[in-house]
Amino acid sequence: MYRYNTATKHYHHVKRQLIVQKNIGSIEKIARIVIGIALVIWAIAGGPLWAWAGVMLLATGLLSWCPARMLFGGRSCSVEK
């Protein structure tokens, strides 16, 4: 993507970046990581198939971002300015 700079009369390359706002607070983040690890260990040890959902909990906890919260409009953390 290129953007035209009117002051210099030149086009400059602009990198596109995906900016994801965090929507999970610190307490929920820790809970997701702990529960996610526990469920994955249980799944590896022969637990039920649904225990693999711990992978999603672990991923969303590590990223501090949950796509379901984004879709349904909720957050458990304060808005960063």
PDB file of N, CA and C in Angstrom:
ATOM      1  N   MET A   1       0.846  -1.158   0.000  1.00  0.00           N
ATOM      2  CA  MET A   1       0.000   0.000   0.000  1.00  0.00           C
ATOM      3  C   MET A   1       0.903   1.235   0.000  1.00  0.00           C
ATOM      4  N   TYR A   2       0.531   2.189  -0.804  1.00  0.00           N
ATOM      5  CA  TYR A   2       1.295   3.425  -0.891  1.00  0.00           C
ATOM      6  C   TYR A   2       0.420   4.606  -0.517  1.00  0.00           C
ATOM      7  N   ARG A   3       1.012   5.567   0.138  1.00  0.00           N
ATOM      8  CA  ARG A   3       0.291   6.770   0.532  1.00  0.00           C
ATOM      9  C   ARG A   3       1.048   7.982  -0.021  1.00  0.00           C
ATOM     10  N   TYR A   4       0.293   8.928  -0.560  1.00  0.00           N
ATOM     11  CA  TYR A   4       0.900  10.114  -1.155  1.00  0.00           C
ATOM     12  C   TYR A   4       1.104  11.180  -0.092  1.00  0.00           C
ATOM     13  N   ASN A   5       2.330  11.694  -0.010  1.00  0.00           N
ATOM     14  CA  ASN A   5       2.661  12.761   0.927  1.00  0.00           C
ATOM     15  C   ASN A   5       2.621  14.073   0.148  1.00  0.00           C
ATOM     16  N   THR A   6       1.662  14.930   0.473  1.00  0.00           N
ATOM     17  CA  THR A   6       1.506  16.184  -0.269  1.00  0.00           C
ATOM     18  C   THR A   6       2.649  17.157  -0.015  1.00  0.00           C
ATOM     19  N   ALA A   7       3.303  17.074   1.120  1.00  0.00           N
ATOM     20  CA  ALA A   7       4.406  17.989   1.423  1.00  0.00           C
ATOM     21  C   ALA A   7       5.636  17.674   0.570  1.00  0.00           C
ATOM     22  N   THR A   8       5.947  16.385   0.411  1.00  0.00           N
ATOM     23  CA  THR A   8       7.145  16.014  -0.347  1.00  0.00           C
ATOM     24  C   THR A   8       6.826  15.637  -1.788  1.00  0.00           C
ATOM     25  N   LYS A   9       5.543  15.538  -2.117  1.00  0.00           N
ATOM     26  CA  LYS A   9       5.087  15.168  -3.462  1.00  0.00           C
ATOM     27  C   LYS A   9       5.598  13.796  -3.887  1.00  0.00           C
ATOM     28  N   HIS A  10       5.687  12.875  -2.925  1.00  0.00           N
ATOM     29  CA  HIS A  10       6.152  11.518  -3.207  1.00  0.00           C
ATOM     30  C   HIS A  10       5.193  10.498  -2.596  1.00  0.00           C
ATOM     31  N   TYR A  11       5.227   9.298  -3.179  1.00  0.00           N
ATOM     32  CA  TYR A  11       4.498   8.182  -2.607  1.00  0.00           C
ATOM     33  C   TYR A  11       5.428   7.431  -1.658  1.00  0.00           C
ATOM     34  N   HIS A  12       4.902   7.041  -0.529  1.00  0.00           N
ATOM     35  CA  HIS A  12       5.674   6.300   0.458  1.00  0.00           C
ATOM     36  C   HIS A  12       4.984   4.980   0.745  1.00  0.00           C
ATOM     37  N   HIS A  13       5.788   3.927   0.871  1.00  0.00           N
ATOM     38  CA  HIS A  13       5.248   2.614   1.183  1.00  0.00           C
ATOM     39  C   HIS A  13       4.792   2.599   2.633  1.00  0.00           C
ATOM     40  N   VAL A  14       3.587   2.117   2.862  1.00  0.00           N
ATOM     41  CA  VAL A  14       3.031   2.033   4.203  1.00  0.00           C
ATOM     42  C   VAL A  14       2.731   0.575   4.495  1.00  0.00           C
ATOM     43  N   LYS A  15       3.277   0.057   5.593  1.00  0.00           N
ATOM     44  CA  LYS A  15       3.024  -1.326   5.980  1.00  0.00           C
ATOM     45  C   LYS A  15       1.640  -1.437   6.606  1.00  0.00           C
ATOM     46  N   ARG A  16       0.940  -2.498   6.246  1.00  0.00           N
ATOM     47  CA  ARG A  16      -0.339  -2.774   6.873  1.00  0.00           C
ATOM     48  C   ARG A  16      -0.091  -3.615   8.112  1.00  0.00           C
ATOM     49  N   GLN A  17      -0.729  -3.249   9.189  1.00  0.00           N
ATOM     50  CA  GLN A  17      -0.577  -3.995  10.426  1.00  0.00           C
ATOM     51  C   GLN A  17      -1.954  -4.347  10.967  1.00  0.00           C
ATOM     52  N   LEU A  18      -2.077  -5.566  11.430  1.00  0.00           N
ATOM     53  CA  LEU A  18      -3.308  -5.989  12.075  1.00  0.00           C
ATOM     54  C   LEU A  18      -3.208  -5.596  13.544  1.00  0.00           C
ATOM     55  N   ILE A  19      -4.082  -4.714  13.952  1.00  0.00           N
ATOM     56  CA  ILE A  19      -4.071  -4.249  15.334  1.00  0.00           C
ATOM     57  C   ILE A  19      -5.248  -4.897  16.056  1.00  0.00           C
ATOM     58  N   VAL A  20      -4.928  -5.694  17.043  1.00  0.00           N
ATOM     59  CA  VAL A  20      -5.951  -6.399  17.811  1.00  0.00           C
ATOM     60  C   VAL A  20      -5.979  -5.807  19.206  1.00  0.00           C
ATOM     61  N   GLN A  21      -7.139  -5.285  19.589  1.00  0.00           N
ATOM     62  CA  GLN A  21      -7.268  -4.747  20.931  1.00  0.00           C
ATOM     63  C   GLN A  21      -7.553  -5.879  21.905  1.00  0.00           C
ATOM     64  N   LYS A  22      -6.894  -5.828  23.032  1.00  0.00           N
ATOM     65  CA  LYS A  22      -7.116  -6.843  24.059  1.00  0.00           C
ATOM     66  C   LYS A  22      -8.530  -6.692  24.604  1.00  0.00           C
ATOM     67  N   ASN A  23      -9.207  -7.817  24.792  1.00  0.00           N
ATOM     68  CA  ASN A  23     -10.547  -7.765  25.361  1.00  0.00           C
ATOM     69  C   ASN A  23     -10.715  -8.745  26.521  1.00  0.00           C
ATOM     70  N   ILE A  24      -9.602  -9.210  27.058  1.00  0.00           N
ATOM     71  CA  ILE A  24      -9.611 -10.110  28.208  1.00  0.00           C
ATOM     72  C   ILE A  24      -8.732  -9.501  29.292  1.00  0.00           C
ATOM     73  N   GLY A  25      -9.285  -9.358  30.473  1.00  0.00           N
ATOM     74  CA  GLY A  25      -8.550  -8.791  31.593  1.00  0.00           C
ATOM     75  C   GLY A  25      -7.574  -9.779  32.213  1.00  0.00           C
ATOM     76  N   SER A  26      -6.774  -9.298  33.148  1.00  0.00           N
ATOM     77  CA  SER A  26      -5.696 -10.116  33.715  1.00  0.00           C
ATOM     78  C   SER A  26      -6.214 -11.304  34.525  1.00  0.00           C
ATOM     79  N   ILE A  27      -7.290 -11.130  35.279  1.00  0.00           N
ATOM     80  CA  ILE A  27      -7.821 -12.245  36.069  1.00  0.00           C
ATOM     81  C   ILE A  27      -8.375 -13.321  35.143  1.00  0.00           C
ATOM     82  N   GLU A  28      -9.144 -12.908  34.138  1.00  0.00           N
ATOM     83  CA  GLU A  28      -9.689 -13.881  33.187  1.00  0.00           C
ATOM     84  C   GLU A  28      -8.576 -14.538  32.381  1.00  0.00           C
ATOM     85  N   LYS A  29      -7.530 -13.781  32.063  1.00  0.00           N
ATOM     86  CA  LYS A  29      -6.390 -14.325  31.317  1.00  0.00           C
ATOM     87  C   LYS A  29      -5.736 -15.467  32.101  1.00  0.00           C
ATOM     88  N   ILE A  30      -5.476 -15.238  33.365  1.00  0.00           N
ATOM     89  CA  ILE A  30      -4.854 -16.264  34.205  1.00  0.00           C
ATOM     90  C   ILE A  30      -5.762 -17.477  34.318  1.00  0.00           C
ATOM     91  N   ALA A  31      -7.069 -17.249  34.510  1.00  0.00           N
ATOM     92  CA  ALA A  31      -8.025 -18.357  34.626  1.00  0.00           C
ATOM     93  C   ALA A  31      -8.062 -19.174  33.342  1.00  0.00           C
ATOM     94  N   ARG A  32      -8.073 -18.512  32.186  1.00  0.00           N
ATOM     95  CA  ARG A  32      -8.097 -19.231  30.912  1.00  0.00           C
ATOM     96  C   ARG A  32      -6.832 -20.070  30.721  1.00  0.00           C
ATOM     97  N   ILE A  33      -5.690 -19.522  31.086  1.00  0.00           N
ATOM     98  CA  ILE A  33      -4.435 -20.260  30.927  1.00  0.00           C
ATOM     99  C   ILE A  33      -4.407 -21.480  31.839  1.00  0.00           C
ATOM    100  N   VAL A  34      -4.772 -21.307  33.105  1.00  0.00           N
ATOM    101  CA  VAL A  34      -4.743 -22.415  34.064  1.00  0.00           C
ATOM    102  C   VAL A  34      -5.746 -23.502  33.670  1.00  0.00           C
ATOM    103  N   ILE A  35      -6.977 -23.113  33.361  1.00  0.00           N
ATOM    104  CA  ILE A  35      -7.997 -24.088  32.967  1.00  0.00           C
ATOM    105  C   ILE A  35      -7.629 -24.741  31.638  1.00  0.00           C
ATOM    106  N   GLY A  36      -7.075 -23.956  30.706  1.00  0.00           N
ATOM    107  CA  GLY A  36      -6.664 -24.511  29.423  1.00  0.00           C
ATOM    108  C   GLY A  36      -5.583 -25.563  29.565  1.00  0.00           C
ATOM    109  N   ILE A  37      -4.586 -25.290  30.388  1.00  0.00           N
ATOM    110  CA  ILE A  37      -3.510 -26.267  30.617  1.00  0.00           C
ATOM    111  C   ILE A  37      -4.070 -27.532  31.262  1.00  0.00           C
ATOM    112  N   ALA A  38      -4.949 -27.351  32.255  1.00  0.00           N
ATOM    113  CA  ALA A  38      -5.542 -28.507  32.936  1.00  0.00           C
ATOM    114  C   ALA A  38      -6.349 -29.369  31.956  1.00  0.00           C
ATOM    115  N   LEU A  39      -7.127 -28.739  31.095  1.00  0.00           N
ATOM    116  CA  LEU A  39      -7.932 -29.498  30.136  1.00  0.00           C
ATOM    117  C   LEU A  39      -7.065 -30.219  29.105  1.00  0.00           C
ATOM    118  N   VAL A  40      -6.011 -29.575  28.642  1.00  0.00           N
ATOM    119  CA  VAL A  40      -5.114 -30.217  27.666  1.00  0.00           C
ATOM    120  C   VAL A  40      -4.422 -31.419  28.297  1.00  0.00           C
ATOM    121  N   ILE A  41      -3.964 -31.276  29.530  1.00  0.00           N
ATOM    122  CA  ILE A  41      -3.331 -32.409  30.223  1.00  0.00           C
ATOM    123  C   ILE A  41      -4.326 -33.552  30.379  1.00  0.00           C
ATOM    124  N   TRP A  42      -5.568 -33.214  30.730  1.00  0.00           N
ATOM    125  CA  TRP A  42      -6.607 -34.232  30.879  1.00  0.00           C
ATOM    126  C   TRP A  42      -6.884 -34.923  29.543  1.00  0.00           C
ATOM    127  N   ALA A  43      -6.926 -34.150  28.455  1.00  0.00           N
ATOM    128  CA  ALA A  43      -7.163 -34.729  27.127  1.00  0.00           C
ATOM    129  C   ALA A  43      -6.024 -35.661  26.723  1.00  0.00           C
ATOM    130  N   ILE A  44      -4.783 -35.262  26.997  1.00  0.00           N
ATOM    131  CA  ILE A  44      -3.622 -36.096  26.669  1.00  0.00           C
ATOM    132  C   ILE A  44      -3.638 -37.388  27.489  1.00  0.00           C
ATOM    133  N   ALA A  45      -4.116 -37.278  28.733  1.00  0.00           N
ATOM    134  CA  ALA A  45      -4.151 -38.443  29.617  1.00  0.00           C
ATOM    135  C   ALA A  45      -5.309 -39.389  29.307  1.00  0.00           C
ATOM    136  N   GLY A  46      -6.092 -39.071  28.289  1.00  0.00           N
ATOM    137  CA  GLY A  46      -7.180 -39.966  27.898  1.00  0.00           C
ATOM    138  C   GLY A  46      -8.558 -39.469  28.273  1.00  0.00           C
ATOM    139  N   GLY A  47      -8.671 -38.205  28.580  1.00  0.00           N
ATOM    140  CA  GLY A  47      -9.967 -37.626  28.931  1.00  0.00           C
ATOM    141  C   GLY A  47     -10.895 -37.559  27.735  1.00  0.00           C
ATOM    142  N   PRO A  48     -12.058 -36.984  27.922  1.00  0.00           N
ATOM    143  CA  PRO A  48     -13.028 -36.903  26.829  1.00  0.00           C
ATOM    144  C   PRO A  48     -12.551 -35.980  25.704  1.00  0.00           C
ATOM    145  N   LEU A  49     -13.163 -36.147  24.548  1.00  0.00           N
ATOM    146  CA  LEU A  49     -12.775 -35.372  23.377  1.00  0.00           C
ATOM    147  C   LEU A  49     -12.956 -33.871  23.582  1.00  0.00           C
ATOM    148  N   TRP A  50     -14.001 -33.478  24.309  1.00  0.00           N
ATOM    149  CA  TRP A  50     -14.264 -32.057  24.511  1.00  0.00           C
ATOM    150  C   TRP A  50     -13.185 -31.374  25.347  1.00  0.00           C
ATOM    151  N   ALA A  51     -12.345 -32.137  26.032  1.00  0.00           N
ATOM    152  CA  ALA A  51     -11.276 -31.547  26.846  1.00  0.00           C
ATOM    153  C   ALA A  51     -10.241 -30.838  25.970  1.00  0.00           C
ATOM    154  N   TRP A  52     -10.213 -31.172  24.674  1.00  0.00           N
ATOM    155  CA  TRP A  52      -9.292 -30.471  23.763  1.00  0.00           C
ATOM    156  C   TRP A  52      -9.695 -29.013  23.554  1.00  0.00           C
ATOM    157  N   ALA A  53     -10.859 -28.612  24.039  1.00  0.00           N
ATOM    158  CA  ALA A  53     -11.256 -27.209  24.014  1.00  0.00           C
ATOM    159  C   ALA A  53     -10.294 -26.357  24.841  1.00  0.00           C
ATOM    160  N   GLY A  54      -9.527 -27.013  25.696  1.00  0.00           N
ATOM    161  CA  GLY A  54      -8.515 -26.315  26.482  1.00  0.00           C
ATOM    162  C   GLY A  54      -7.468 -25.633  25.620  1.00  0.00           C
ATOM    163  N   VAL A  55      -7.254 -26.152  24.416  1.00  0.00           N
ATOM    164  CA  VAL A  55      -6.301 -25.513  23.498  1.00  0.00           C
ATOM    165  C   VAL A  55      -6.784 -24.102  23.156  1.00  0.00           C
ATOM    166  N   MET A  56      -8.101 -23.958  22.900  1.00  0.00           N
ATOM    167  CA  MET A  56      -8.654 -22.643  22.585  1.00  0.00           C
ATOM    168  C   MET A  56      -8.596 -21.716  23.791  1.00  0.00           C
ATOM    169  N   LEU A  57      -8.909 -22.244  24.965  1.00  0.00           N
ATOM    170  CA  LEU A  57      -8.804 -21.420  26.175  1.00  0.00           C
ATOM    171  C   LEU A  57      -7.365 -20.964  26.401  1.00  0.00           C
ATOM    172  N   LEU A  58      -6.431 -21.867  26.204  1.00  0.00           N
ATOM    173  CA  LEU A  58      -5.021 -21.532  26.385  1.00  0.00           C
ATOM    174  C   LEU A  58      -4.579 -20.469  25.379  1.00  0.00           C
ATOM    175  N   ALA A  59      -4.973 -20.621  24.124  1.00  0.00           N
ATOM    176  CA  ALA A  59      -4.586 -19.654  23.090  1.00  0.00           C
ATOM    177  C   ALA A  59      -5.172 -18.273  23.364  1.00  0.00           C
ATOM    178  N   THR A  60      -6.463 -18.226  23.699  1.00  0.00           N
ATOM    179  CA  THR A  60      -7.074 -16.919  23.956  1.00  0.00           C
ATOM    180  C   THR A  60      -6.508 -16.282  25.224  1.00  0.00           C
ATOM    181  N   GLY A  61      -6.145 -17.095  26.190  1.00  0.00           N
ATOM    182  CA  GLY A  61      -5.526 -16.553  27.401  1.00  0.00           C
ATOM    183  C   GLY A  61      -4.157 -15.972  27.130  1.00  0.00           C
ATOM    184  N   LEU A  62      -3.370 -16.657  26.311  1.00  0.00           N
ATOM    185  CA  LEU A  62      -2.027 -16.165  26.001  1.00  0.00           C
ATOM    186  C   LEU A  62      -2.069 -14.904  25.137  1.00  0.00           C
ATOM    187  N   LEU A  63      -3.067 -14.807  24.268  1.00  0.00           N
ATOM    188  CA  LEU A  63      -3.177 -13.639  23.381  1.00  0.00           C
ATOM    189  C   LEU A  63      -3.929 -12.475  24.022  1.00  0.00           C
ATOM    190  N   SER A  64      -4.622 -12.729  25.116  1.00  0.00           N
ATOM    191  CA  SER A  64      -5.485 -11.729  25.780  1.00  0.00           C
ATOM    192  C   SER A  64      -6.564 -11.207  24.834  1.00  0.00           C
ATOM    193  N   TRP A  65      -6.989 -12.035  23.916  1.00  0.00           N
ATOM    194  CA  TRP A  65      -7.984 -11.643  22.925  1.00  0.00           C
ATOM    195  C   TRP A  65      -8.858 -12.833  22.582  1.00  0.00           C
ATOM    196  N   CYS A  66     -10.152 -12.635  22.628  1.00  0.00           N
ATOM    197  CA  CYS A  66     -11.099 -13.699  22.335  1.00  0.00           C
ATOM    198  C   CYS A  66     -12.016 -13.242  21.200  1.00  0.00           C
ATOM    199  N   PRO A  67     -12.039 -13.966  20.080  1.00  0.00           N
ATOM    200  CA  PRO A  67     -12.884 -13.552  18.964  1.00  0.00           C
ATOM    201  C   PRO A  67     -14.374 -13.572  19.303  1.00  0.00           C
ATOM    202  N   ALA A  68     -14.804 -14.473  20.161  1.00  0.00           N
ATOM    203  CA  ALA A  68     -16.219 -14.514  20.544  1.00  0.00           C
ATOM    204  C   ALA A  68     -16.607 -13.249  21.309  1.00  0.00           C
ATOM    205  N   ARG A  69     -15.733 -12.782  22.172  1.00  0.00           N
ATOM    206  CA  ARG A  69     -15.998 -11.530  22.899  1.00  0.00           C
ATOM    207  C   ARG A  69     -16.064 -10.354  21.937  1.00  0.00           C
ATOM    208  N   MET A  70     -15.244 -10.380  20.884  1.00  0.00           N
ATOM    209  CA  MET A  70     -15.255  -9.304  19.905  1.00  0.00           C
ATOM    210  C   MET A  70     -16.592  -9.299  19.154  1.00  0.00           C
ATOM    211  N   LEU A  71     -17.073 -10.483  18.761  1.00  0.00           N
ATOM    212  CA  LEU A  71     -18.314 -10.581  17.995  1.00  0.00           C
ATOM    213  C   LEU A  71     -19.534 -10.161  18.811  1.00  0.00           C
ATOM    214  N   PHE A  72     -19.565 -10.562  20.074  1.00  0.00           N
ATOM    215  CA  PHE A  72     -20.729 -10.289  20.894  1.00  0.00           C
ATOM    216  C   PHE A  72     -20.574  -9.030  21.745  1.00  0.00           C
ATOM    217  N   GLY A  73     -19.477  -8.306  21.574  1.00  0.00           N
ATOM    218  CA  GLY A  73     -19.293  -7.013  22.218  1.00  0.00           C
ATOM    219  C   GLY A  73     -19.152  -7.055  23.718  1.00  0.00           C
ATOM    220  N   GLY A  74     -18.118  -7.623  24.186  1.00  0.00           N
ATOM    221  CA  GLY A  74     -17.863  -7.634  25.621  1.00  0.00           C
ATOM    222  C   GLY A  74     -16.377  -7.586  25.884  1.00  0.00           C
ATOM    223  N   ARG A  75     -16.020  -7.111  27.045  1.00  0.00           N
ATOM    224  CA  ARG A  75     -14.623  -7.102  27.437  1.00  0.00           C
ATOM    225  C   ARG A  75     -14.550  -7.160  28.947  1.00  0.00           C
ATOM    226  N   SER A  76     -13.470  -7.757  29.418  1.00  0.00           N
ATOM    227  CA  SER A  76     -13.285  -7.841  30.866  1.00  0.00           C
ATOM    228  C   SER A  76     -12.048  -7.061  31.289  1.00  0.00           C
ATOM    229  N   CYS A  77     -11.603  -6.178  30.425  1.00  0.00           N
ATOM    230  CA  CYS A  77     -10.449  -5.354  30.762  1.00  0.00           C
ATOM    231  C   CYS A  77     -10.791  -3.899  30.454  1.00  0.00           C
ATOM    232  N   SER A  78     -10.008  -2.994  31.023  1.00  0.00           N
ATOM    233  CA  SER A  78     -10.235  -1.574  30.766  1.00  0.00           C
ATOM    234  C   SER A  78      -9.707  -1.217  29.378  1.00  0.00           C
ATOM    235  N   VAL A  79     -10.272  -0.192  28.797  1.00  0.00           N
ATOM    236  CA  VAL A  79      -9.874   0.253  27.474  1.00  0.00           C
ATOM    237  C   VAL A  79      -8.578   1.039  27.598  1.00  0.00           C
ATOM    238  N   GLU A  80      -7.564   0.628  26.816  1.00  0.00           N
ATOM    239  CA  GLU A  80      -6.270   1.315  26.834  1.00  0.00           C
ATOM    240  C   GLU A  80      -6.343   2.540  25.947  1.00  0.00           C
ATOM    241  N   LYS A  81      -5.784   3.651  26.417  1.00  0.00           N
ATOM    242  CA  LYS A  81      -5.783   4.879  25.615  1.00  0.00           C
ATOM    243  C   LYS A  81      -4.412   5.156  25.058  1.00  0.00           C
TER     244      LYS A  81
END
